[in-house]
Amino acid sequence: MADLKFAASFQVYATDEKGRNKIESKLIALDGIYNARWDIDSKLLVLDYYPDQISSDEIHQQIASLGYDTELYKASRFIGKDYLK
């Protein structure tokens, strides 16, 4: 059976190009994510991933651990915790 690919989009509250580069590069480096694009104007992250390798909730947690709020998590809850394996 082939791996199912999912597409998702949600708000990530970064503010600049540095944030965009950090978010996109760190997400692409994670197992299970094969595309990530964040738009600075709309604050919308669009990504493609394999849900059998990483969950949507884990993706939100990873972003929060980088210091950026998402629709589900505040960054302050995750700062200093190593979620990026």
C-alpha atoms as a PDB file:
ATOM      1  CA  MET A   1       0.000   0.000   0.000  1.00  0.00           C
ATOM      2  CA  ALA A   2       1.354   3.428  -0.973  1.00  0.00           C
ATOM      3  CA  ASP A   3       1.943   6.114   1.624  1.00  0.00           C
ATOM      4  CA  LEU A   4      -0.881   8.636   1.728  1.00  0.00           C
ATOM      5  CA  LYS A   5       0.160  12.233   1.289  1.00  0.00           C
ATOM      6  CA  PHE A   6      -1.804  15.003   2.968  1.00  0.00           C
ATOM      7  CA  ALA A   7      -1.892  18.723   2.307  1.00  0.00           C
ATOM      8  CA  ALA A   8      -2.584  21.137   5.125  1.00  0.00           C
ATOM      9  CA  SER A   9      -2.639  24.864   5.711  1.00  0.00           C
ATOM     10  CA  PHE A  10      -2.837  26.916   8.874  1.00  0.00           C
ATOM     11  CA  GLN A  11      -1.777  30.222  10.387  1.00  0.00           C
ATOM     12  CA  VAL A  12       1.748  30.677  11.727  1.00  0.00           C
ATOM     13  CA  TYR A  13       2.440  34.024  13.354  1.00  0.00           C
ATOM     14  CA  ALA A  14       5.978  34.884  12.264  1.00  0.00           C
ATOM     15  CA  THR A  15       6.802  38.384  11.056  1.00  0.00           C
ATOM     16  CA  ASP A  16       9.657  38.427   8.563  1.00  0.00           C
ATOM     17  CA  GLU A  17      11.851  36.653   6.004  1.00  0.00           C
ATOM     18  CA  LYS A  18      14.125  35.307   8.728  1.00  0.00           C
ATOM     19  CA  GLY A  19      11.122  33.613  10.320  1.00  0.00           C
ATOM     20  CA  ARG A  20       9.977  32.266   6.982  1.00  0.00           C
ATOM     21  CA  ASN A  21      13.385  30.776   6.220  1.00  0.00           C
ATOM     22  CA  LYS A  22      13.631  29.233   9.671  1.00  0.00           C
ATOM     23  CA  ILE A  23      10.143  27.700   9.548  1.00  0.00           C
ATOM     24  CA  GLU A  24      10.446  26.345   6.026  1.00  0.00           C
ATOM     25  CA  SER A  25      13.960  24.910   6.415  1.00  0.00           C
ATOM     26  CA  LYS A  26      13.281  23.255   9.776  1.00  0.00           C
ATOM     27  CA  LEU A  27      10.010  21.705   8.616  1.00  0.00           C
ATOM     28  CA  ILE A  28      11.517  20.354   5.392  1.00  0.00           C
ATOM     29  CA  ALA A  29      14.257  18.714   7.481  1.00  0.00           C
ATOM     30  CA  LEU A  30      11.696  16.688   9.455  1.00  0.00           C
ATOM     31  CA  ASP A  31      10.810  13.146   8.450  1.00  0.00           C
ATOM     32  CA  GLY A  32       7.428  13.049   6.804  1.00  0.00           C
ATOM     33  CA  ILE A  33       7.284  16.630   5.507  1.00  0.00           C
ATOM     34  CA  TYR A  34       8.175  17.061   1.864  1.00  0.00           C
ATOM     35  CA  ASN A  35       7.029  20.593   1.126  1.00  0.00           C
ATOM     36  CA  ALA A  36       6.479  23.710   3.264  1.00  0.00           C
ATOM     37  CA  ARG A  37       5.715  27.261   2.153  1.00  0.00           C
ATOM     38  CA  TRP A  38       4.868  30.161   4.473  1.00  0.00           C
ATOM     39  CA  ASP A  39       3.440  33.416   3.135  1.00  0.00           C
ATOM     40  CA  ILE A  40       4.607  36.508   5.009  1.00  0.00           C
ATOM     41  CA  ASP A  41       1.531  38.601   4.157  1.00  0.00           C
ATOM     42  CA  SER A  42      -1.249  36.116   4.900  1.00  0.00           C
ATOM     43  CA  LYS A  43       0.726  34.265   7.630  1.00  0.00           C
ATOM     44  CA  LEU A  44      -0.484  31.046   5.996  1.00  0.00           C
ATOM     45  CA  LEU A  45       1.679  27.921   6.020  1.00  0.00           C
ATOM     46  CA  VAL A  46       0.909  25.394   3.303  1.00  0.00           C
ATOM     47  CA  LEU A  47       2.585  22.032   3.583  1.00  0.00           C
ATOM     48  CA  ASP A  48       2.509  18.506   2.241  1.00  0.00           C
ATOM     49  CA  TYR A  49       3.270  15.607   4.532  1.00  0.00           C
ATOM     50  CA  TYR A  50       2.880  11.918   5.255  1.00  0.00           C
ATOM     51  CA  PRO A  51       0.538  11.546   8.252  1.00  0.00           C
ATOM     52  CA  ASP A  52       1.868   8.067   9.008  1.00  0.00           C
ATOM     53  CA  GLN A  53       5.243   9.709   9.752  1.00  0.00           C
ATOM     54  CA  ILE A  54       4.217  12.965  11.456  1.00  0.00           C
ATOM     55  CA  SER A  55       0.878  14.282  12.690  1.00  0.00           C
ATOM     56  CA  SER A  56      -0.609  17.721  12.215  1.00  0.00           C
ATOM     57  CA  ASP A  57      -0.396  18.239  15.970  1.00  0.00           C
ATOM     58  CA  GLU A  58       3.316  17.376  15.953  1.00  0.00           C
ATOM     59  CA  ILE A  59       3.870  19.889  13.155  1.00  0.00           C
ATOM     60  CA  HIS A  60       2.211  22.628  15.242  1.00  0.00           C
ATOM     61  CA  GLN A  61       4.407  21.656  18.199  1.00  0.00           C
ATOM     62  CA  GLN A  62       7.547  21.767  16.059  1.00  0.00           C
ATOM     63  CA  ILE A  63       6.716  25.286  14.879  1.00  0.00           C
ATOM     64  CA  ALA A  64       5.980  26.451  18.426  1.00  0.00           C
ATOM     65  CA  SER A  65       9.343  25.029  19.537  1.00  0.00           C
ATOM     66  CA  LEU A  66      10.977  27.334  16.963  1.00  0.00           C
ATOM     67  CA  GLY A  67       9.420  30.328  18.719  1.00  0.00           C
ATOM     68  CA  TYR A  68       6.324  30.961  16.583  1.00  0.00           C
ATOM     69  CA  ASP A  69       2.681  30.763  17.576  1.00  0.00           C
ATOM     70  CA  THR A  70       0.280  28.664  15.513  1.00  0.00           C
ATOM     71  CA  GLU A  71      -3.482  28.288  15.590  1.00  0.00           C
ATOM     72  CA  LEU A  72      -3.102  25.502  18.169  1.00  0.00           C
ATOM     73  CA  TYR A  73      -0.032  26.319  20.265  1.00  0.00           C
ATOM     74  CA  LYS A  74       1.686  29.318  21.791  1.00  0.00           C
ATOM     75  CA  ALA A  75       5.446  29.331  21.356  1.00  0.00           C
ATOM     76  CA  SER A  76       6.023  30.163  25.033  1.00  0.00           C
ATOM     77  CA  ARG A  77       4.734  26.695  25.958  1.00  0.00           C
ATOM     78  CA  PHE A  78       7.523  25.018  23.973  1.00  0.00           C
ATOM     79  CA  ILE A  79      10.543  27.317  24.134  1.00  0.00           C
ATOM     80  CA  GLY A  80      13.604  25.471  25.376  1.00  0.00           C
ATOM     81  CA  LYS A  81      12.203  22.006  24.674  1.00  0.00           C
ATOM     82  CA  ASP A  82      13.902  19.932  22.007  1.00  0.00           C
ATOM     83  CA  TYR A  83      11.172  18.787  19.651  1.00  0.00           C
ATOM     84  CA  LEU A  84      13.357  18.857  16.565  1.00  0.00           C
ATOM     85  CA  LYS A  85      14.918  15.435  16.478  1.00  0.00           C
END
